[in-house]
Amino acid sequence: MPTTEINADAEFVTLINVFTVEPDRQRELVDVLARATEEVMRHQPGFVSANLHVGLDGTRVANYAQWESAEHFQRMLANPECRQHMAAATAIARAEPALYSVDSVRHA
C-alpha cells in the first residue's frame, strides 16, 4: 500500500487544505474528514494518501493529501459522492485548499 512520501523527485501532487473551525467543532471536523477519506476518497483513482493534522489551539485542521496527478484530483472534485463529503466538511469549517508540488526537502 502506498504511503505518504515527501520527496522533491516524487511525481505526486499534494493537496494542502487548511480548515478554520471553531474549537468546539474541531473533533467533529476531523471525524467528518476521516470518514470521507476512509469511505470515499481512498477509493478514488489516483489517491495516494491523506493525513490530518490538528492545530494545537483548536482552530485549525490541515489535510495533507497526495494524488498521482492534478488530473486525478480534478476528477475526484467532479465526483458527486466526493462533493457531498466535502460539503459536509465545509458546513463545519472554512476551507482553503490548494495544490502543491514538493520543491525541496531538508533533514537534520
N, C-alpha and C. Protein backbone atom coordinates (compact mmCIF):
# COMPACT_ATOMS: atom_id res chain seq x y z
N MET A 1 0.84 -1.18 0.00
CA MET A 1 0.00 0.00 0.00
C MET A 1 0.89 1.24 0.00
N PRO A 2 0.55 2.24 -0.81
CA PRO A 2 1.34 3.48 -0.85
C PRO A 2 1.30 4.20 0.49
N THR A 3 2.35 4.92 0.76
CA THR A 3 2.42 5.73 1.97
C THR A 3 2.75 7.17 1.58
N THR A 4 2.63 8.06 2.52
CA THR A 4 2.98 9.45 2.26
C THR A 4 4.48 9.54 2.05
N GLU A 5 4.86 10.19 0.99
CA GLU A 5 6.27 10.37 0.69
C GLU A 5 6.49 11.85 0.36
N ILE A 6 7.34 12.49 1.12
CA ILE A 6 7.67 13.88 0.85
C ILE A 6 9.05 13.87 0.20
N ASN A 7 9.05 14.01 -1.12
CA ASN A 7 10.26 13.84 -1.91
C ASN A 7 10.15 14.75 -3.12
N ALA A 8 11.15 15.57 -3.34
CA ALA A 8 11.11 16.50 -4.47
C ALA A 8 11.11 15.78 -5.81
N ASP A 9 11.54 14.52 -5.84
CA ASP A 9 11.55 13.76 -7.09
C ASP A 9 10.26 12.98 -7.33
N ALA A 10 9.38 12.90 -6.33
CA ALA A 10 8.11 12.20 -6.49
C ALA A 10 7.23 12.97 -7.46
N GLU A 11 6.45 12.26 -8.23
CA GLU A 11 5.61 12.91 -9.23
C GLU A 11 4.19 13.16 -8.75
N PHE A 12 3.97 13.07 -7.45
CA PHE A 12 2.65 13.31 -6.89
C PHE A 12 2.35 14.80 -6.85
N VAL A 13 1.07 15.13 -6.77
CA VAL A 13 0.67 16.48 -6.39
C VAL A 13 0.13 16.39 -4.96
N THR A 14 0.28 17.47 -4.24
CA THR A 14 -0.14 17.49 -2.84
C THR A 14 -1.22 18.52 -2.63
N LEU A 15 -2.31 18.09 -2.06
CA LEU A 15 -3.36 19.00 -1.63
C LEU A 15 -3.05 19.36 -0.19
N ILE A 16 -2.93 20.65 0.07
CA ILE A 16 -2.88 21.12 1.45
C ILE A 16 -4.12 21.98 1.64
N ASN A 17 -5.01 21.48 2.46
CA ASN A 17 -6.29 22.15 2.69
C ASN A 17 -6.34 22.51 4.17
N VAL A 18 -6.29 23.80 4.45
CA VAL A 18 -6.33 24.26 5.83
C VAL A 18 -7.75 24.73 6.13
N PHE A 19 -8.35 24.10 7.13
CA PHE A 19 -9.70 24.44 7.56
C PHE A 19 -9.61 25.31 8.81
N THR A 20 -10.42 26.34 8.86
CA THR A 20 -10.57 27.15 10.07
C THR A 20 -11.90 26.76 10.70
N VAL A 21 -11.85 26.42 11.97
CA VAL A 21 -13.02 25.84 12.64
C VAL A 21 -13.12 26.40 14.06
N GLU A 22 -14.32 26.42 14.59
CA GLU A 22 -14.50 26.79 15.99
C GLU A 22 -13.91 25.66 16.84
N PRO A 23 -13.20 26.01 17.91
CA PRO A 23 -12.54 24.97 18.71
C PRO A 23 -13.46 23.85 19.19
N ASP A 24 -14.71 24.17 19.51
CA ASP A 24 -15.61 23.13 19.99
C ASP A 24 -16.11 22.20 18.86
N ARG A 25 -15.73 22.50 17.62
CA ARG A 25 -16.13 21.65 16.49
C ARG A 25 -14.94 20.99 15.79
N GLN A 26 -13.72 21.21 16.32
CA GLN A 26 -12.54 20.65 15.68
C GLN A 26 -12.64 19.13 15.57
N ARG A 27 -12.97 18.44 16.65
CA ARG A 27 -13.05 16.98 16.64
C ARG A 27 -14.12 16.50 15.65
N GLU A 28 -15.24 17.20 15.60
CA GLU A 28 -16.30 16.85 14.65
C GLU A 28 -15.79 16.94 13.22
N LEU A 29 -15.06 18.00 12.91
CA LEU A 29 -14.50 18.16 11.58
C LEU A 29 -13.52 17.04 11.26
N VAL A 30 -12.63 16.73 12.18
CA VAL A 30 -11.66 15.64 11.97
C VAL A 30 -12.40 14.34 11.69
N ASP A 31 -13.45 14.07 12.44
CA ASP A 31 -14.22 12.84 12.22
C ASP A 31 -14.87 12.82 10.84
N VAL A 32 -15.41 13.95 10.40
CA VAL A 32 -16.02 14.04 9.06
C VAL A 32 -14.96 13.79 7.99
N LEU A 33 -13.81 14.42 8.13
CA LEU A 33 -12.74 14.26 7.14
C LEU A 33 -12.20 12.83 7.13
N ALA A 34 -12.01 12.25 8.30
CA ALA A 34 -11.51 10.88 8.38
C ALA A 34 -12.50 9.90 7.76
N ARG A 35 -13.78 10.10 8.04
CA ARG A 35 -14.81 9.23 7.47
C ARG A 35 -14.86 9.38 5.95
N ALA A 36 -14.77 10.60 5.44
CA ALA A 36 -14.78 10.83 4.00
C ALA A 36 -13.59 10.15 3.34
N THR A 37 -12.44 10.24 3.99
CA THR A 37 -11.24 9.60 3.43
C THR A 37 -11.41 8.10 3.40
N GLU A 38 -11.86 7.53 4.49
CA GLU A 38 -12.00 6.07 4.59
C GLU A 38 -13.07 5.53 3.66
N GLU A 39 -14.21 6.19 3.61
CA GLU A 39 -15.36 5.67 2.86
C GLU A 39 -15.31 5.99 1.38
N VAL A 40 -14.71 7.12 1.00
CA VAL A 40 -14.82 7.58 -0.39
C VAL A 40 -13.47 7.91 -1.03
N MET A 41 -12.74 8.85 -0.45
CA MET A 41 -11.56 9.40 -1.12
C MET A 41 -10.52 8.34 -1.45
N ARG A 42 -10.22 7.46 -0.51
CA ARG A 42 -9.14 6.49 -0.74
C ARG A 42 -9.48 5.47 -1.82
N HIS A 43 -10.74 5.43 -2.23
CA HIS A 43 -11.16 4.51 -3.29
C HIS A 43 -11.16 5.17 -4.67
N GLN A 44 -10.81 6.45 -4.72
CA GLN A 44 -10.80 7.17 -5.99
C GLN A 44 -9.51 6.88 -6.76
N PRO A 45 -9.61 6.78 -8.10
CA PRO A 45 -8.39 6.58 -8.89
C PRO A 45 -7.40 7.71 -8.65
N GLY A 46 -6.13 7.35 -8.46
CA GLY A 46 -5.09 8.35 -8.28
C GLY A 46 -4.83 8.76 -6.84
N PHE A 47 -5.68 8.32 -5.91
CA PHE A 47 -5.46 8.66 -4.50
C PHE A 47 -4.20 7.94 -4.01
N VAL A 48 -3.35 8.66 -3.27
CA VAL A 48 -2.14 8.07 -2.71
C VAL A 48 -2.22 8.00 -1.19
N SER A 49 -2.49 9.13 -0.54
CA SER A 49 -2.52 9.16 0.92
C SER A 49 -3.22 10.42 1.40
N ALA A 50 -3.63 10.38 2.66
CA ALA A 50 -4.18 11.58 3.31
C ALA A 50 -3.76 11.56 4.77
N ASN A 51 -3.45 12.73 5.27
CA ASN A 51 -3.01 12.89 6.65
C ASN A 51 -3.71 14.10 7.25
N LEU A 52 -4.28 13.93 8.41
CA LEU A 52 -4.96 15.03 9.08
C LEU A 52 -4.10 15.53 10.23
N HIS A 53 -3.97 16.84 10.31
CA HIS A 53 -3.19 17.49 11.36
C HIS A 53 -4.13 18.44 12.10
N VAL A 54 -4.10 18.42 13.41
CA VAL A 54 -4.96 19.31 14.19
C VAL A 54 -4.13 20.41 14.83
N GLY A 55 -4.63 21.63 14.72
CA GLY A 55 -3.96 22.76 15.35
C GLY A 55 -4.07 22.66 16.86
N LEU A 56 -3.00 22.96 17.53
CA LEU A 56 -2.98 22.84 18.99
C LEU A 56 -3.93 23.81 19.67
N ASP A 57 -4.27 24.92 19.01
CA ASP A 57 -5.20 25.87 19.61
C ASP A 57 -6.66 25.53 19.32
N GLY A 58 -6.89 24.47 18.54
CA GLY A 58 -8.25 24.02 18.27
C GLY A 58 -8.93 24.69 17.10
N THR A 59 -8.30 25.69 16.47
CA THR A 59 -8.98 26.45 15.43
C THR A 59 -8.62 26.04 14.00
N ARG A 60 -7.72 25.07 13.86
CA ARG A 60 -7.30 24.67 12.52
C ARG A 60 -7.25 23.15 12.40
N VAL A 61 -7.53 22.69 11.19
CA VAL A 61 -7.29 21.30 10.80
C VAL A 61 -6.67 21.38 9.42
N ALA A 62 -5.57 20.69 9.22
CA ALA A 62 -4.93 20.66 7.91
C ALA A 62 -5.01 19.25 7.35
N ASN A 63 -5.42 19.17 6.10
CA ASN A 63 -5.45 17.91 5.38
C ASN A 63 -4.31 17.95 4.37
N TYR A 64 -3.36 17.04 4.51
CA TYR A 64 -2.22 16.93 3.61
C TYR A 64 -2.46 15.64 2.83
N ALA A 65 -2.91 15.76 1.59
CA ALA A 65 -3.27 14.58 0.80
C ALA A 65 -2.49 14.56 -0.50
N GLN A 66 -2.09 13.37 -0.91
CA GLN A 66 -1.34 13.23 -2.14
C GLN A 66 -2.16 12.48 -3.19
N TRP A 67 -2.02 12.95 -4.43
CA TRP A 67 -2.69 12.35 -5.59
C TRP A 67 -1.65 12.09 -6.67
N GLU A 68 -1.90 11.11 -7.49
CA GLU A 68 -0.95 10.78 -8.56
C GLU A 68 -0.75 11.93 -9.54
N SER A 69 -1.80 12.73 -9.74
CA SER A 69 -1.69 13.86 -10.67
C SER A 69 -2.79 14.87 -10.38
N ALA A 70 -2.62 16.07 -10.93
CA ALA A 70 -3.65 17.09 -10.80
C ALA A 70 -4.94 16.64 -11.49
N GLU A 71 -4.81 15.89 -12.57
CA GLU A 71 -5.99 15.39 -13.28
C GLU A 71 -6.79 14.43 -12.41
N HIS A 72 -6.11 13.55 -11.68
CA HIS A 72 -6.82 12.65 -10.76
C HIS A 72 -7.56 13.46 -9.70
N PHE A 73 -6.90 14.48 -9.18
CA PHE A 73 -7.53 15.32 -8.17
C PHE A 73 -8.76 16.02 -8.75
N GLN A 74 -8.65 16.56 -9.96
CA GLN A 74 -9.79 17.25 -10.59
C GLN A 74 -10.95 16.29 -10.83
N ARG A 75 -10.66 15.06 -11.23
CA ARG A 75 -11.73 14.07 -11.43
C ARG A 75 -12.44 13.76 -10.12
N MET A 76 -11.66 13.70 -9.03
CA MET A 76 -12.28 13.48 -7.73
C MET A 76 -13.23 14.62 -7.40
N LEU A 77 -12.81 15.85 -7.68
CA LEU A 77 -13.66 17.01 -7.39
C LEU A 77 -14.98 16.97 -8.15
N ALA A 78 -14.98 16.35 -9.32
CA ALA A 78 -16.19 16.27 -10.14
C ALA A 78 -17.12 15.14 -9.71
N ASN A 79 -16.65 14.26 -8.86
CA ASN A 79 -17.45 13.10 -8.43
C ASN A 79 -18.51 13.56 -7.42
N PRO A 80 -19.79 13.32 -7.70
CA PRO A 80 -20.85 13.78 -6.80
C PRO A 80 -20.73 13.23 -5.37
N GLU A 81 -20.29 12.00 -5.23
CA GLU A 81 -20.15 11.43 -3.90
C GLU A 81 -19.05 12.15 -3.12
N CYS A 82 -17.96 12.48 -3.78
CA CYS A 82 -16.88 13.23 -3.13
C CYS A 82 -17.35 14.63 -2.76
N ARG A 83 -18.09 15.25 -3.65
CA ARG A 83 -18.59 16.61 -3.40
C ARG A 83 -19.51 16.64 -2.18
N GLN A 84 -20.29 15.58 -2.01
CA GLN A 84 -21.19 15.50 -0.86
C GLN A 84 -20.38 15.48 0.44
N HIS A 85 -19.31 14.70 0.47
CA HIS A 85 -18.48 14.64 1.67
C HIS A 85 -17.74 15.96 1.92
N MET A 86 -17.29 16.61 0.86
CA MET A 86 -16.62 17.90 1.02
C MET A 86 -17.60 18.95 1.54
N ALA A 87 -18.85 18.88 1.09
CA ALA A 87 -19.86 19.83 1.57
C ALA A 87 -20.10 19.65 3.06
N ALA A 88 -20.05 18.42 3.54
CA ALA A 88 -20.23 18.17 4.98
C ALA A 88 -19.11 18.85 5.77
N ALA A 89 -17.90 18.82 5.24
CA ALA A 89 -16.77 19.47 5.94
C ALA A 89 -16.91 20.99 5.91
N THR A 90 -17.28 21.53 4.75
CA THR A 90 -17.37 22.99 4.65
C THR A 90 -18.61 23.55 5.33
N ALA A 91 -19.52 22.68 5.74
CA ALA A 91 -20.64 23.13 6.57
C ALA A 91 -20.18 23.38 8.01
N ILE A 92 -19.04 22.80 8.36
CA ILE A 92 -18.49 22.92 9.72
C ILE A 92 -17.41 23.99 9.79
N ALA A 93 -16.64 24.13 8.70
CA ALA A 93 -15.45 24.98 8.75
C ALA A 93 -15.21 25.64 7.40
N ARG A 94 -14.40 26.69 7.41
CA ARG A 94 -13.98 27.36 6.18
C ARG A 94 -12.73 26.66 5.67
N ALA A 95 -12.73 26.31 4.37
CA ALA A 95 -11.61 25.58 3.77
C ALA A 95 -10.79 26.49 2.87
N GLU A 96 -9.49 26.24 2.82
CA GLU A 96 -8.58 26.96 1.93
C GLU A 96 -7.68 25.94 1.23
N PRO A 97 -8.23 25.23 0.21
CA PRO A 97 -7.44 24.20 -0.47
C PRO A 97 -6.55 24.77 -1.57
N ALA A 98 -5.40 24.12 -1.76
CA ALA A 98 -4.50 24.46 -2.87
C ALA A 98 -3.65 23.24 -3.18
N LEU A 99 -3.30 23.09 -4.46
CA LEU A 99 -2.42 22.00 -4.89
C LEU A 99 -0.98 22.50 -4.92
N TYR A 100 -0.06 21.62 -4.52
CA TYR A 100 1.36 21.94 -4.45
C TYR A 100 2.18 20.80 -5.06
N SER A 101 3.43 21.14 -5.41
CA SER A 101 4.44 20.13 -5.69
C SER A 101 5.56 20.37 -4.69
N VAL A 102 6.30 19.32 -4.36
CA VAL A 102 7.41 19.45 -3.42
C VAL A 102 8.59 20.06 -4.16
N ASP A 103 9.11 21.15 -3.64
CA ASP A 103 10.24 21.82 -4.24
C ASP A 103 11.57 21.35 -3.64
N SER A 104 11.60 21.19 -2.33
CA SER A 104 12.83 20.72 -1.69
C SER A 104 12.49 20.10 -0.35
N VAL A 105 13.38 19.23 0.10
CA VAL A 105 13.24 18.55 1.39
C VAL A 105 14.59 18.64 2.09
N ARG A 106 14.60 19.02 3.34
CA ARG A 106 15.83 19.11 4.12
C ARG A 106 15.68 18.26 5.39
N HIS A 107 16.75 17.65 5.80
CA HIS A 107 16.77 16.86 7.03
C HIS A 107 17.93 17.29 7.89
N ALA A 108 17.85 16.99 9.18
CA ALA A 108 18.94 17.33 10.10
C ALA A 108 20.18 16.53 9.76
